[in-house]
N, C-alpha and C. Protein backbone atom coordinates (compact mmCIF):
# COMPACT_ATOMS: atom_id res chain seq x y z
N MET A 1 28.01 -2.66 -18.72
CA MET A 1 27.45 -1.08 -18.53
C MET A 1 26.15 -1.04 -18.44
N ARG A 2 25.98 0.41 -17.47
CA ARG A 2 24.46 0.21 -17.34
C ARG A 2 23.95 1.75 -18.26
N LYS A 3 23.03 1.77 -19.31
CA LYS A 3 22.66 2.84 -19.45
C LYS A 3 21.78 3.63 -18.74
N ALA A 4 21.76 4.70 -18.83
CA ALA A 4 21.90 6.56 -18.55
C ALA A 4 19.96 6.80 -18.70
N TYR A 5 19.41 7.23 -17.32
CA TYR A 5 17.93 7.30 -17.28
C TYR A 5 18.14 7.99 -18.30
N ASN A 6 18.95 9.06 -18.80
CA ASN A 6 18.42 10.69 -19.54
C ASN A 6 18.28 9.73 -20.64
N SER A 7 18.43 9.14 -21.07
CA SER A 7 18.47 8.65 -22.62
C SER A 7 17.26 7.93 -23.15
N VAL A 8 16.39 7.84 -22.09
CA VAL A 8 14.93 6.87 -22.01
C VAL A 8 13.83 8.29 -23.14
N LEU A 9 13.98 7.89 -24.13
CA LEU A 9 11.90 8.61 -25.03
C LEU A 9 11.36 9.06 -24.31
N HIS A 10 10.42 9.87 -24.28
CA HIS A 10 9.43 10.35 -23.77
C HIS A 10 7.79 10.27 -24.56
N LEU A 11 7.24 10.08 -24.01
CA LEU A 11 5.81 10.66 -24.88
C LEU A 11 5.10 11.55 -24.45
N PRO A 12 5.19 12.58 -25.56
CA PRO A 12 4.19 13.95 -25.68
C PRO A 12 3.02 14.04 -24.45
N LYS A 13 2.86 15.03 -23.62
CA LYS A 13 1.50 14.49 -22.52
C LYS A 13 -0.05 15.15 -24.25
N LEU A 14 -0.85 14.00 -23.61
CA LEU A 14 -2.03 14.65 -24.88
C LEU A 14 -3.34 15.12 -24.65
N ILE A 15 -3.80 16.12 -24.54
CA ILE A 15 -4.97 16.13 -23.90
C ILE A 15 -6.25 16.38 -24.62
N ALA A 16 -7.06 16.33 -24.32
CA ALA A 16 -8.56 16.47 -25.31
C ALA A 16 -9.14 17.81 -25.19
N CYS A 17 -8.81 18.11 -26.73
CA CYS A 17 -9.24 19.50 -27.21
C CYS A 17 -11.00 19.98 -26.41
N SER A 18 -11.14 20.76 -26.17
CA SER A 18 -12.24 21.39 -25.59
C SER A 18 -13.83 21.40 -26.94
N GLN A 19 -12.66 22.22 -27.74
CA GLN A 19 -13.65 22.16 -28.88
C GLN A 19 -14.28 21.09 -29.73
N CYS A 20 -12.81 20.67 -29.74
CA CYS A 20 -13.49 19.89 -31.47
C CYS A 20 -13.03 17.79 -30.65
N ALA A 21 -12.40 17.75 -29.41
CA ALA A 21 -12.13 16.23 -28.51
C ALA A 21 -11.04 16.29 -29.12
N GLU A 22 -10.22 16.68 -30.02
CA GLU A 22 -8.85 15.48 -30.74
C GLU A 22 -8.27 15.70 -29.78
N SER A 23 -7.05 15.04 -29.67
CA SER A 23 -5.83 14.83 -28.93
C SER A 23 -4.83 16.47 -29.15
N CYS A 24 -4.45 16.81 -28.26
CA CYS A 24 -3.29 17.78 -29.22
C CYS A 24 -2.82 18.21 -27.01
N ARG A 25 -1.88 18.89 -27.58
CA ARG A 25 -0.53 18.99 -26.54
C ARG A 25 -1.63 20.51 -25.77
N PRO A 26 -1.37 19.80 -24.73
CA PRO A 26 -1.67 21.09 -23.59
C PRO A 26 -1.08 22.58 -23.62
N HIS A 27 -1.23 23.56 -23.51
CA HIS A 27 -1.01 24.75 -23.62
C HIS A 27 -0.42 25.16 -25.19
N HIS A 28 -1.22 24.04 -26.28
CA HIS A 28 -0.84 24.64 -27.42
C HIS A 28 -2.22 25.27 -28.34
N VAL A 29 -1.93 25.69 -29.33
CA VAL A 29 -3.74 25.81 -30.20
C VAL A 29 -3.64 24.30 -30.71
N CYS A 30 -4.74 24.18 -30.60
CA CYS A 30 -5.41 22.93 -31.68
C CYS A 30 -5.13 22.58 -32.87
N PRO A 31 -4.53 21.83 -33.45
CA PRO A 31 -3.33 21.59 -35.12
C PRO A 31 -5.42 21.12 -35.75
N HIS A 32 -6.02 20.80 -35.49
CA HIS A 32 -6.77 20.69 -35.81
C HIS A 32 -8.06 21.53 -35.90
N CYS A 33 -8.52 22.05 -34.63
CA CYS A 33 -9.66 23.26 -35.28
C CYS A 33 -9.08 24.81 -35.08
N GLY A 34 -8.19 24.75 -34.46
CA GLY A 34 -6.75 26.09 -34.13
C GLY A 34 -7.61 26.74 -33.13
N PHE A 35 -8.52 26.08 -32.13
CA PHE A 35 -8.99 26.68 -31.16
C PHE A 35 -7.63 27.02 -30.03
N TYR A 36 -7.59 27.66 -28.80
CA TYR A 36 -6.67 27.79 -27.42
C TYR A 36 -7.81 27.92 -26.06
N SER A 37 -8.05 27.78 -25.36
CA SER A 37 -8.60 28.07 -24.49
C SER A 37 -9.85 29.54 -24.85
N GLY A 38 -10.71 28.09 -25.27
CA GLY A 38 -11.98 28.90 -25.99
C GLY A 38 -11.95 29.78 -26.70
N HIS A 39 -10.51 29.90 -27.43
CA HIS A 39 -11.09 31.26 -28.63
C HIS A 39 -10.04 30.90 -29.62
N LYS A 40 -10.65 31.21 -30.73
CA LYS A 40 -10.42 31.17 -31.99
C LYS A 40 -9.21 32.08 -32.52
N LYS A 41 -7.68 31.09 -32.08
CA LYS A 41 -6.25 31.47 -32.59
C LYS A 41 -6.03 31.76 -34.33
N SER A 42 -5.92 32.27 -34.96
CA SER A 42 -5.47 32.39 -36.30
C SER A 42 -3.66 31.67 -36.51
N TYR A 43 -3.17 31.17 -37.33
CA TYR A 43 -1.77 30.97 -37.13
C TYR A 43 -1.42 30.40 -38.53
N ARG A 44 -0.31 31.23 -39.35
CA ARG A 44 -0.44 30.75 -40.64
C ARG A 44 0.51 29.68 -40.97
N VAL A 45 0.12 29.20 -41.67
CA VAL A 45 0.52 28.24 -42.07
C VAL A 45 1.68 28.08 -43.60
N LEU A 46 3.12 27.25 -43.48
CA LEU A 46 3.95 27.34 -44.09
C LEU A 46 3.47 26.83 -45.52
N THR A 47 3.21 27.18 -46.39
CA THR A 47 2.69 26.70 -47.98
C THR A 47 4.01 26.76 -48.94
N VAL A 48 4.67 25.77 -49.53
CA VAL A 48 6.10 25.87 -50.46
C VAL A 48 4.64 25.30 -51.82
N LYS A 49 5.73 25.97 -52.97
CA LYS A 49 4.96 25.36 -54.36
C LYS A 49 5.97 25.02 -54.59
N VAL A 50 5.84 24.01 -55.61
CA VAL A 50 7.05 23.02 -56.11
C VAL A 50 6.81 22.73 -57.49
N GLY A 51 7.44 23.18 -58.17
CA GLY A 51 7.37 23.25 -59.60
C GLY A 51 6.79 24.68 -60.37
């Protein structure tokens, strides 16, 4: 039996960030420097305290 083509895993597309040159997903905030489209975007990071 043949496998369906839609079960193939796809790797995410990556581009180089224009500010820090790290790889990141297109149309997303860079997780390394926080820039998107030349502007600093702030986003909250969820932190959980254990103990």
